[in-house]
PDB file of all heavy atoms in Angstrom:
ATOM      1  N   VAL A   1     -33.680-135.265   3.851  1.00  0.00           N
ATOM      2  CA  VAL A   1     -34.664-136.025   4.645  1.00  0.00           C
ATOM      3  C   VAL A   1     -33.905-137.060   5.494  1.00  0.00           C
ATOM      4  O   VAL A   1     -34.215-137.254   6.671  1.00  0.00           O
ATOM      5  CB  VAL A   1     -35.706-136.705   3.735  1.00  0.00           C
ATOM      6  CG1 VAL A   1     -36.536-137.706   4.534  1.00  0.00           C
ATOM      7  CG2 VAL A   1     -36.601-135.645   3.097  1.00  0.00           C
ATOM      8  N   GLY A   2     -32.916-137.692   4.931  1.00  0.00           N
ATOM      9  CA  GLY A   2     -32.111-138.682   5.656  1.00  0.00           C
ATOM     10  C   GLY A   2     -31.379-138.038   6.818  1.00  0.00           C
ATOM     11  O   GLY A   2     -31.325-138.599   7.931  1.00  0.00           O
ATOM     12  N   VAL A   3     -30.805-136.858   6.612  1.00  0.00           N
ATOM     13  CA  VAL A   3     -30.088-136.172   7.701  1.00  0.00           C
ATOM     14  C   VAL A   3     -31.067-135.790   8.804  1.00  0.00           C
ATOM     15  O   VAL A   3     -30.789-135.950   9.988  1.00  0.00           O
ATOM     16  CB  VAL A   3     -29.370-134.894   7.148  1.00  0.00           C
ATOM     17  CG1 VAL A   3     -28.917-134.013   8.282  1.00  0.00           C
ATOM     18  CG2 VAL A   3     -28.191-135.302   6.249  1.00  0.00           C
ATOM     19  N   TRP A   4     -32.266-135.295   8.430  1.00  0.00           N
ATOM     20  CA  TRP A   4     -33.279-134.940   9.451  1.00  0.00           C
ATOM     21  C   TRP A   4     -33.745-136.187  10.237  1.00  0.00           C
ATOM     22  O   TRP A   4     -33.912-136.114  11.468  1.00  0.00           O
ATOM     23  CB  TRP A   4     -34.462-134.237   8.829  1.00  0.00           C
ATOM     24  CG  TRP A   4     -34.228-132.778   8.630  1.00  0.00           C
ATOM     25  CD1 TRP A   4     -34.086-132.134   7.431  1.00  0.00           C
ATOM     26  CD2 TRP A   4     -34.067-131.768   9.633  1.00  0.00           C
ATOM     27  NE1 TRP A   4     -33.840-130.791   7.628  1.00  0.00           N
ATOM     28  CE2 TRP A   4     -33.833-130.552   8.975  1.00  0.00           C
ATOM     29  CE3 TRP A   4     -34.066-131.790  11.011  1.00  0.00           C
ATOM     30  CZ2 TRP A   4     -33.644-129.336   9.664  1.00  0.00           C
ATOM     31  CZ3 TRP A   4     -33.898-130.592  11.704  1.00  0.00           C
ATOM     32  CH2 TRP A   4     -33.678-129.392  11.029  1.00  0.00           C
ATOM     33  N   LEU A   5     -33.970-137.259   9.549  1.00  0.00           N
ATOM     34  CA  LEU A   5     -34.360-138.477  10.250  1.00  0.00           C
ATOM     35  C   LEU A   5     -33.276-138.996  11.172  1.00  0.00           C
ATOM     36  O   LEU A   5     -33.559-139.404  12.303  1.00  0.00           O
ATOM     37  CB  LEU A   5     -34.755-139.563   9.245  1.00  0.00           C
ATOM     38  CG  LEU A   5     -36.124-139.369   8.537  1.00  0.00           C
ATOM     39  CD1 LEU A   5     -36.329-140.433   7.489  1.00  0.00           C
ATOM     40  CD2 LEU A   5     -37.233-139.351   9.545  1.00  0.00           C
ATOM     41  N   THR A   6     -32.040-138.953  10.714  1.00  0.00           N
ATOM     42  CA  THR A   6     -30.929-139.363  11.553  1.00  0.00           C
ATOM     43  C   THR A   6     -30.806-138.477  12.778  1.00  0.00           C
ATOM     44  O   THR A   6     -30.632-138.948  13.909  1.00  0.00           O
ATOM     45  CB  THR A   6     -29.598-139.327  10.760  1.00  0.00           C
ATOM     46  OG1 THR A   6     -29.735-140.157   9.604  1.00  0.00           O
ATOM     47  CG2 THR A   6     -28.427-139.784  11.583  1.00  0.00           C
ATOM     48  N   LEU A   7     -30.955-137.182  12.583  1.00  0.00           N
ATOM     49  CA  LEU A   7     -30.897-136.246  13.711  1.00  0.00           C
ATOM     50  C   LEU A   7     -32.045-136.481  14.669  1.00  0.00           C
ATOM     51  O   LEU A   7     -31.826-136.451  15.905  1.00  0.00           O
ATOM     52  CB  LEU A   7     -30.938-134.809  13.156  1.00  0.00           C
ATOM     53  CG  LEU A   7     -30.819-133.690  14.202  1.00  0.00           C
ATOM     54  CD1 LEU A   7     -29.449-133.790  14.904  1.00  0.00           C
ATOM     55  CD2 LEU A   7     -31.011-132.357  13.557  1.00  0.00           C
ATOM     56  N   ALA A   8     -33.238-136.787  14.177  1.00  0.00           N
ATOM     57  CA  ALA A   8     -34.366-137.071  15.030  1.00  0.00           C
ATOM     58  C   ALA A   8     -34.132-138.340  15.874  1.00  0.00           C
ATOM     59  O   ALA A   8     -34.428-138.385  17.056  1.00  0.00           O
ATOM     60  CB  ALA A   8     -35.644-137.220  14.230  1.00  0.00           C
ATOM     61  N   VAL A   9     -33.580-139.375  15.242  1.00  0.00           N
ATOM     62  CA  VAL A   9     -33.269-140.609  15.965  1.00  0.00           C
ATOM     63  C   VAL A   9     -32.208-140.346  17.038  1.00  0.00           C
ATOM     64  O   VAL A   9     -32.345-140.853  18.181  1.00  0.00           O
ATOM     65  CB  VAL A   9     -32.807-141.716  14.984  1.00  0.00           C
ATOM     66  CG1 VAL A   9     -32.217-142.883  15.719  1.00  0.00           C
ATOM     67  CG2 VAL A   9     -33.990-142.162  14.116  1.00  0.00           C
ATOM     68  N   VAL A  10     -31.201-139.584  16.752  1.00  0.00           N
ATOM     69  CA  VAL A  10     -30.157-139.266  17.698  1.00  0.00           C
ATOM     70  C   VAL A  10     -30.746-138.500  18.904  1.00  0.00           C
ATOM     71  O   VAL A  10     -30.426-138.791  20.048  1.00  0.00           O
ATOM     72  CB  VAL A  10     -29.021-138.429  17.046  1.00  0.00           C
ATOM     73  CG1 VAL A  10     -28.087-137.809  18.082  1.00  0.00           C
ATOM     74  CG2 VAL A  10     -28.235-139.314  16.070  1.00  0.00           C
ATOM     75  N   VAL A  11     -31.634-137.556  18.636  1.00  0.00           N
ATOM     76  CA  VAL A  11     -32.270-136.783  19.713  1.00  0.00           C
ATOM     77  C   VAL A  11     -33.135-137.678  20.593  1.00  0.00           C
ATOM     78  O   VAL A  11     -33.082-137.582  21.838  1.00  0.00           O
ATOM     79  CB  VAL A  11     -33.068-135.605  19.167  1.00  0.00           C
ATOM     80  CG1 VAL A  11     -33.968-134.976  20.213  1.00  0.00           C
ATOM     81  CG2 VAL A  11     -32.136-134.547  18.550  1.00  0.00           C
ATOM     82  N   VAL A  12     -33.909-138.573  19.986  1.00  0.00           N
ATOM     83  CA  VAL A  12     -34.772-139.469  20.775  1.00  0.00           C
ATOM     84  C   VAL A  12     -33.930-140.419  21.599  1.00  0.00           C
ATOM     85  O   VAL A  12     -34.227-140.651  22.777  1.00  0.00           O
ATOM     86  CB  VAL A  12     -35.731-140.227  19.823  1.00  0.00           C
ATOM     87  CG1 VAL A  12     -36.446-141.341  20.561  1.00  0.00           C
ATOM     88  CG2 VAL A  12     -36.741-139.263  19.216  1.00  0.00           C
ATOM     89  N   VAL A  13     -32.888-140.990  21.021  1.00  0.00           N
ATOM     90  CA  VAL A  13     -32.039-141.916  21.770  1.00  0.00           C
ATOM     91  C   VAL A  13     -31.300-141.178  22.876  1.00  0.00           C
ATOM     92  O   VAL A  13     -31.246-141.687  24.027  1.00  0.00           O
ATOM     93  CB  VAL A  13     -31.030-142.606  20.816  1.00  0.00           C
ATOM     94  CG1 VAL A  13     -29.952-143.350  21.573  1.00  0.00           C
ATOM     95  CG2 VAL A  13     -31.761-143.570  19.875  1.00  0.00           C
ATOM     96  N   ALA A  14     -30.800-139.995  22.624  1.00  0.00           N
ATOM     97  CA  ALA A  14     -30.118-139.218  23.667  1.00  0.00           C
ATOM     98  C   ALA A  14     -31.092-138.840  24.797  1.00  0.00           C
ATOM     99  O   ALA A  14     -30.750-138.882  25.972  1.00  0.00           O
ATOM    100  CB  ALA A  14     -29.460-137.968  23.090  1.00  0.00           C
ATOM    101  N   SER A  15     -32.310-138.490  24.439  1.00  0.00           N
ATOM    102  CA  SER A  15     -33.315-138.150  25.434  1.00  0.00           C
ATOM    103  C   SER A  15     -33.671-139.355  26.296  1.00  0.00           C
ATOM    104  O   SER A  15     -33.806-139.246  27.509  1.00  0.00           O
ATOM    105  CB  SER A  15     -34.558-137.597  24.759  1.00  0.00           C
ATOM    106  OG  SER A  15     -35.583-137.375  25.674  1.00  0.00           O
ATOM    107  N   ALA A  16     -33.803-140.512  25.653  1.00  0.00           N
ATOM    108  CA  ALA A  16     -34.131-141.724  26.422  1.00  0.00           C
ATOM    109  C   ALA A  16     -32.942-142.154  27.286  1.00  0.00           C
ATOM    110  O   ALA A  16     -33.144-142.673  28.391  1.00  0.00           O
ATOM    111  CB  ALA A  16     -34.517-142.853  25.471  1.00  0.00           C
ATOM    112  N   SER A  17     -31.737-141.955  26.817  1.00  0.00           N
ATOM    113  CA  SER A  17     -30.554-142.383  27.571  1.00  0.00           C
ATOM    114  C   SER A  17     -30.167-141.423  28.692  1.00  0.00           C
ATOM    115  O   SER A  17     -29.846-141.881  29.787  1.00  0.00           O
ATOM    116  CB  SER A  17     -29.361-142.516  26.638  1.00  0.00           C
ATOM    117  OG  SER A  17     -29.638-143.479  25.630  1.00  0.00           O
ATOM    118  N   PHE A  18     -30.176-140.144  28.431  1.00  0.00           N
ATOM    119  CA  PHE A  18     -29.660-139.185  29.392  1.00  0.00           C
ATOM    120  C   PHE A  18     -30.728-138.294  30.008  1.00  0.00           C
ATOM    121  O   PHE A  18     -30.440-137.602  30.976  1.00  0.00           O
ATOM    122  CB  PHE A  18     -28.610-138.283  28.711  1.00  0.00           C
ATOM    123  CG  PHE A  18     -27.505-139.056  28.075  1.00  0.00           C
ATOM    124  CD1 PHE A  18     -27.382-139.112  26.684  1.00  0.00           C
ATOM    125  CD2 PHE A  18     -26.580-139.722  28.842  1.00  0.00           C
ATOM    126  CE1 PHE A  18     -26.370-139.803  26.092  1.00  0.00           C
ATOM    127  CE2 PHE A  18     -25.558-140.426  28.276  1.00  0.00           C
ATOM    128  CZ  PHE A  18     -25.436-140.490  26.891  1.00  0.00           C
ATOM    129  N   GLY A  19     -31.925-138.322  29.482  1.00  0.00           N
ATOM    130  CA  GLY A  19     -32.981-137.458  30.022  1.00  0.00           C
ATOM    131  C   GLY A  19     -33.541-138.005  31.318  1.00  0.00           C
ATOM    132  O   GLY A  19     -33.283-139.121  31.712  1.00  0.00           O
ATOM    133  N   ARG A  20     -34.311-137.191  32.012  1.00  0.00           N
ATOM    134  CA  ARG A  20     -34.949-137.621  33.227  1.00  0.00           C
ATOM    135  C   ARG A  20     -36.449-137.764  32.971  1.00  0.00           C
ATOM    136  O   ARG A  20     -36.987-137.225  32.024  1.00  0.00           O
ATOM    137  CB  ARG A  20     -34.671-136.655  34.364  1.00  0.00           C
ATOM    138  CG  ARG A  20     -35.240-135.256  34.119  1.00  0.00           C
ATOM    139  CD  ARG A  20     -34.904-134.351  35.309  1.00  0.00           C
ATOM    140  NE  ARG A  20     -35.394-133.017  35.045  1.00  0.00           N
ATOM    141  CZ  ARG A  20     -36.585-132.588  35.419  1.00  0.00           C
ATOM    142  NH1 ARG A  20     -37.407-133.368  36.034  1.00  0.00           N
ATOM    143  NH2 ARG A  20     -36.963-131.355  35.163  1.00  0.00           N
ATOM    144  N   GLU A  21     -37.091-138.491  33.876  1.00  0.00           N
ATOM    145  CA  GLU A  21     -38.524-138.716  33.736  1.00  0.00           C
ATOM    146  C   GLU A  21     -39.259-137.402  34.019  1.00  0.00           C
ATOM    147  O   GLU A  21     -38.956-136.704  34.982  1.00  0.00           O
ATOM    148  CB  GLU A  21     -38.973-139.779  34.687  1.00  0.00           C
ATOM    149  CG  GLU A  21     -40.428-140.172  34.474  1.00  0.00           C
ATOM    150  CD  GLU A  21     -40.820-141.363  35.309  1.00  0.00           C
ATOM    151  OE1 GLU A  21     -39.956-142.188  35.642  1.00  0.00           O
ATOM    152  OE2 GLU A  21     -42.015-141.451  35.641  1.00  0.00           O
ATOM    153  N   LEU A  22     -40.226-137.078  33.179  1.00  0.00           N
ATOM    154  CA  LEU A  22     -40.994-135.868  33.348  1.00  0.00           C
ATOM    155  C   LEU A  22     -42.085-136.103  34.362  1.00  0.00           C
ATOM    156  O   LEU A  22     -42.621-137.203  34.488  1.00  0.00           O
ATOM    157  CB  LEU A  22     -41.579-135.436  32.005  1.00  0.00           C
ATOM    158  CG  LEU A  22     -40.580-135.172  30.884  1.00  0.00           C
ATOM    159  CD1 LEU A  22     -41.302-134.826  29.601  1.00  0.00           C
ATOM    160  CD2 LEU A  22     -39.641-134.046  31.284  1.00  0.00           C
ATOM    161  N   ASP A  23     -42.455-135.037  35.095  1.00  0.00           N
ATOM    162  CA  ASP A  23     -43.556-135.161  36.038  1.00  0.00           C
ATOM    163  C   ASP A  23     -44.526-133.998  35.867  1.00  0.00           C
ATOM    164  O   ASP A  23     -44.111-132.907  35.519  1.00  0.00           O
ATOM    165  CB  ASP A  23     -43.050-135.210  37.483  1.00  0.00           C
ATOM    166  CG  ASP A  23     -42.271-133.987  37.885  1.00  0.00           C
ATOM    167  OD1 ASP A  23     -41.853-133.246  36.991  1.00  0.00           O
ATOM    168  OD2 ASP A  23     -42.053-133.778  39.083  1.00  0.00           O
ATOM    169  N   ASP A  24     -45.787-134.270  36.071  1.00  0.00           N
ATOM    170  CA  ASP A  24     -46.806-133.234  36.007  1.00  0.00           C
ATOM    171  C   ASP A  24     -46.998-132.689  37.405  1.00  0.00           C
ATOM    172  O   ASP A  24     -47.461-133.387  38.289  1.00  0.00           O
ATOM    173  CB  ASP A  24     -48.131-133.806  35.480  1.00  0.00           C
ATOM    174  CG  ASP A  24     -48.046-134.186  34.014  1.00  0.00           C
ATOM    175  OD1 ASP A  24     -47.209-133.621  33.306  1.00  0.00           O
ATOM    176  OD2 ASP A  24     -48.838-135.033  33.580  1.00  0.00           O
ATOM    177  N   SER A  25     -46.618-131.436  37.594  1.00  0.00           N
ATOM    178  CA  SER A  25     -46.707-130.850  38.911  1.00  0.00           C
ATOM    179  C   SER A  25     -46.950-129.354  38.790  1.00  0.00           C
ATOM    180  O   SER A  25     -46.512-128.710  37.828  1.00  0.00           O
ATOM    181  CB  SER A  25     -45.402-131.108  39.663  1.00  0.00           C
ATOM    182  OG  SER A  25     -45.400-130.429  40.856  1.00  0.00           O
ATOM    183  N   PHE A  26     -47.655-128.822  39.749  1.00  0.00           N
ATOM    184  CA  PHE A  26     -47.841-127.381  39.809  1.00  0.00           C
ATOM    185  C   PHE A  26     -46.797-126.711  40.656  1.00  0.00           C
ATOM    186  O   PHE A  26     -46.851-125.513  40.888  1.00  0.00           O
ATOM    187  CB  PHE A  26     -49.259-127.043  40.364  1.00  0.00           C
ATOM    188  CG  PHE A  26     -50.345-127.345  39.399  1.00  0.00           C
ATOM    189  CD1 PHE A  26     -51.232-128.370  39.635  1.00  0.00           C
ATOM    190  CD2 PHE A  26     -50.481-126.594  38.233  1.00  0.00           C
ATOM    191  CE1 PHE A  26     -52.254-128.634  38.756  1.00  0.00           C
ATOM    192  CE2 PHE A  26     -51.487-126.862  37.340  1.00  0.00           C
ATOM    193  CZ  PHE A  26     -52.372-127.894  37.596  1.00  0.00           C
ATOM    194  N   ALA A  27     -45.871-127.478  41.181  1.00  0.00           N
ATOM    195  CA  ALA A  27     -44.842-126.903  42.053  1.00  0.00           C
ATOM    196  C   ALA A  27     -43.775-126.173  41.229  1.00  0.00           C
ATOM    197  O   ALA A  27     -43.258-126.698  40.257  1.00  0.00           O
ATOM    198  CB  ALA A  27     -44.178-128.033  42.855  1.00  0.00           C
ATOM    199  N   VAL A  28     -43.504-124.960  41.639  1.00  0.00           N
ATOM    200  CA  VAL A  28     -42.474-124.141  41.001  1.00  0.00           C
ATOM    201  C   VAL A  28     -41.543-123.649  42.096  1.00  0.00           C
ATOM    202  O   VAL A  28     -41.838-122.647  42.762  1.00  0.00           O
ATOM    203  CB  VAL A  28     -43.064-122.954  40.233  1.00  0.00           C
ATOM    204  CG1 VAL A  28     -41.991-122.204  39.510  1.00  0.00           C
ATOM    205  CG2 VAL A  28     -44.130-123.426  39.259  1.00  0.00           C
ATOM    206  N   PRO A  29     -40.462-124.370  42.342  1.00  0.00           N
ATOM    207  CA  PRO A  29     -39.560-123.984  43.456  1.00  0.00           C
ATOM    208  C   PRO A  29     -39.005-122.575  43.277  1.00  0.00           C
ATOM    209  O   PRO A  29     -38.689-122.157  42.146  1.00  0.00           O
ATOM    210  CB  PRO A  29     -38.438-125.031  43.361  1.00  0.00           C
ATOM    211  CG  PRO A  29     -39.005-126.160  42.591  1.00  0.00           C
ATOM    212  CD  PRO A  29     -40.027-125.548  41.653  1.00  0.00           C
ATOM    213  N   GLY A  30     -38.920-121.861  44.375  1.00  0.00           N
ATOM    214  CA  GLY A  30     -38.337-120.545  44.340  1.00  0.00           C
ATOM    215  C   GLY A  30     -39.338-119.401  44.284  1.00  0.00           C
ATOM    216  O   GLY A  30     -38.987-118.259  44.519  1.00  0.00           O
ATOM    217  N   LEU A  31     -40.572-119.688  43.916  1.00  0.00           N
ATOM    218  CA  LEU A  31     -41.573-118.609  43.882  1.00  0.00           C
ATOM    219  C   LEU A  31     -42.190-118.370  45.238  1.00  0.00           C
ATOM    220  O   LEU A  31     -42.304-119.295  46.062  1.00  0.00           O
ATOM    221  CB  LEU A  31     -42.693-118.978  42.886  1.00  0.00           C
ATOM    222  CG  LEU A  31     -42.318-118.996  41.422  1.00  0.00           C
ATOM    223  CD1 LEU A  31     -43.539-119.316  40.574  1.00  0.00           C
ATOM    224  CD2 LEU A  31     -41.757-117.664  40.982  1.00  0.00           C
ATOM    225  N   ASP A  32     -42.582-117.135  45.496  1.00  0.00           N
ATOM    226  CA  ASP A  32     -43.193-116.824  46.767  1.00  0.00           C
ATOM    227  C   ASP A  32     -44.479-117.593  47.006  1.00  0.00           C
ATOM    228  O   ASP A  32     -44.752-118.040  48.113  1.00  0.00           O
ATOM    229  CB  ASP A  32     -43.502-115.292  46.858  1.00  0.00           C
ATOM    230  CG  ASP A  32     -42.259-114.460  46.890  1.00  0.00           C
ATOM    231  OD1 ASP A  32     -41.176-115.015  47.254  1.00  0.00           O
ATOM    232  OD2 ASP A  32     -42.319-113.270  46.608  1.00  0.00           O
ATOM    233  N   SER A  33     -45.284-117.750  45.948  1.00  0.00           N
ATOM    234  CA  SER A  33     -46.542-118.454  46.110  1.00  0.00           C
ATOM    235  C   SER A  33     -46.285-119.939  46.404  1.00  0.00           C
ATOM    236  O   SER A  33     -47.038-120.539  47.190  1.00  0.00           O
ATOM    237  CB  SER A  33     -47.365-118.352  44.850  1.00  0.00           C
ATOM    238  OG  SER A  33     -46.681-118.847  43.722  1.00  0.00           O
ATOM    239  N   GLN A  34     -45.228-120.514  45.886  1.00  0.00           N
ATOM    240  CA  GLN A  34     -44.897-121.912  46.218  1.00  0.00           C
ATOM    241  C   GLN A  34     -44.461-122.019  47.651  1.00  0.00           C
ATOM    242  O   GLN A  34     -44.806-122.978  48.331  1.00  0.00           O
ATOM    243  CB  GLN A  34     -43.798-122.450  45.280  1.00  0.00           C
ATOM    244  CG  GLN A  34     -43.468-123.875  45.495  1.00  0.00           C
ATOM    245  CD  GLN A  34     -44.647-124.782  45.228  1.00  0.00           C
ATOM    246  OE1 GLN A  34     -45.339-124.638  44.239  1.00  0.00           O
ATOM    247  NE2 GLN A  34     -44.922-125.742  46.116  1.00  0.00           N
ATOM    248  N   GLU A  35     -43.700-121.043  48.150  1.00  0.00           N
ATOM    249  CA  GLU A  35     -43.314-121.047  49.544  1.00  0.00           C
ATOM    250  C   GLU A  35     -44.542-120.970  50.454  1.00  0.00           C
ATOM    251  O   GLU A  35     -44.578-121.631  51.488  1.00  0.00           O
ATOM    252  CB  GLU A  35     -42.358-119.883  49.825  1.00  0.00           C
ATOM    253  CG  GLU A  35     -40.997-120.051  49.191  1.00  0.00           C
ATOM    254  CD  GLU A  35     -40.076-118.851  49.437  1.00  0.00           C
ATOM    255  OE1 GLU A  35     -40.291-118.139  50.445  1.00  0.00           O
ATOM    256  OE2 GLU A  35     -39.165-118.642  48.620  1.00  0.00           O
ATOM    257  N   ALA A  36     -45.544-120.161  50.069  1.00  0.00           N
ATOM    258  CA  ALA A  36     -46.753-120.046  50.874  1.00  0.00           C
ATOM    259  C   ALA A  36     -47.504-121.376  50.888  1.00  0.00           C
ATOM    260  O   ALA A  36     -47.989-121.794  51.932  1.00  0.00           O
ATOM    261  CB  ALA A  36     -47.636-118.926  50.300  1.00  0.00           C
ATOM    262  N   VAL A  37     -47.622-122.029  49.749  1.00  0.00           N
ATOM    263  CA  VAL A  37     -48.292-123.321  49.701  1.00  0.00           C
ATOM    264  C   VAL A  37     -47.521-124.353  50.543  1.00  0.00           C
ATOM    265  O   VAL A  37     -48.135-125.168  51.260  1.00  0.00           O
ATOM    266  CB  VAL A  37     -48.457-123.809  48.226  1.00  0.00           C
ATOM    267  CG1 VAL A  37     -48.904-125.257  48.160  1.00  0.00           C
ATOM    268  CG2 VAL A  37     -49.426-122.905  47.490  1.00  0.00           C
ATOM    269  N   ASP A  38     -46.222-124.332  50.476  1.00  0.00           N
ATOM    270  CA  ASP A  38     -45.408-125.266  51.281  1.00  0.00           C
ATOM    271  C   ASP A  38     -45.603-125.001  52.755  1.00  0.00           C
ATOM    272  O   ASP A  38     -45.699-125.947  53.549  1.00  0.00           O
ATOM    273  CB  ASP A  38     -43.928-125.148  50.901  1.00  0.00           C
ATOM    274  CG  ASP A  38     -43.622-125.623  49.509  1.00  0.00           C
ATOM    275  OD1 ASP A  38     -44.455-126.387  48.950  1.00  0.00           O
ATOM    276  OD2 ASP A  38     -42.556-125.276  48.988  1.00  0.00           O
ATOM    277  N   LEU A  39     -45.673-123.721  53.188  1.00  0.00           N
ATOM    278  CA  LEU A  39     -45.897-123.406  54.562  1.00  0.00           C
ATOM    279  C   LEU A  39     -47.278-123.878  55.031  1.00  0.00           C
ATOM    280  O   LEU A  39     -47.421-124.442  56.119  1.00  0.00           O
ATOM    281  CB  LEU A  39     -45.769-121.908  54.781  1.00  0.00           C
ATOM    282  CG  LEU A  39     -44.361-121.333  54.855  1.00  0.00           C
ATOM    283  CD1 LEU A  39     -44.406-119.816  54.908  1.00  0.00           C
ATOM    284  CD2 LEU A  39     -43.631-121.877  56.044  1.00  0.00           C
ATOM    285  N   LEU A  40     -48.297-123.661  54.199  1.00  0.00           N
ATOM    286  CA  LEU A  40     -49.625-124.117  54.548  1.00  0.00           C
ATOM    287  C   LEU A  40     -49.677-125.648  54.640  1.00  0.00           C
ATOM    288  O   LEU A  40     -50.303-126.220  55.529  1.00  0.00           O
ATOM    289  CB  LEU A  40     -50.643-123.619  53.517  1.00  0.00           C
ATOM    290  CG  LEU A  40     -51.015-122.143  53.620  1.00  0.00           C
ATOM    291  CD1 LEU A  40     -51.817-121.712  52.412  1.00  0.00           C
ATOM    292  CD2 LEU A  40     -51.777-121.863  54.897  1.00  0.00           C
TER     293      LEU A  40
END
């Protein structure tokens, strides 16, 4: 349990330190449908 908790803390700290901010978006770069929406 201690190892799992330590691992969870390390993952959370690493995510907060090195991760990027998440965004809610329907945009999927590279898909044909996204290119059509961008053109419109």
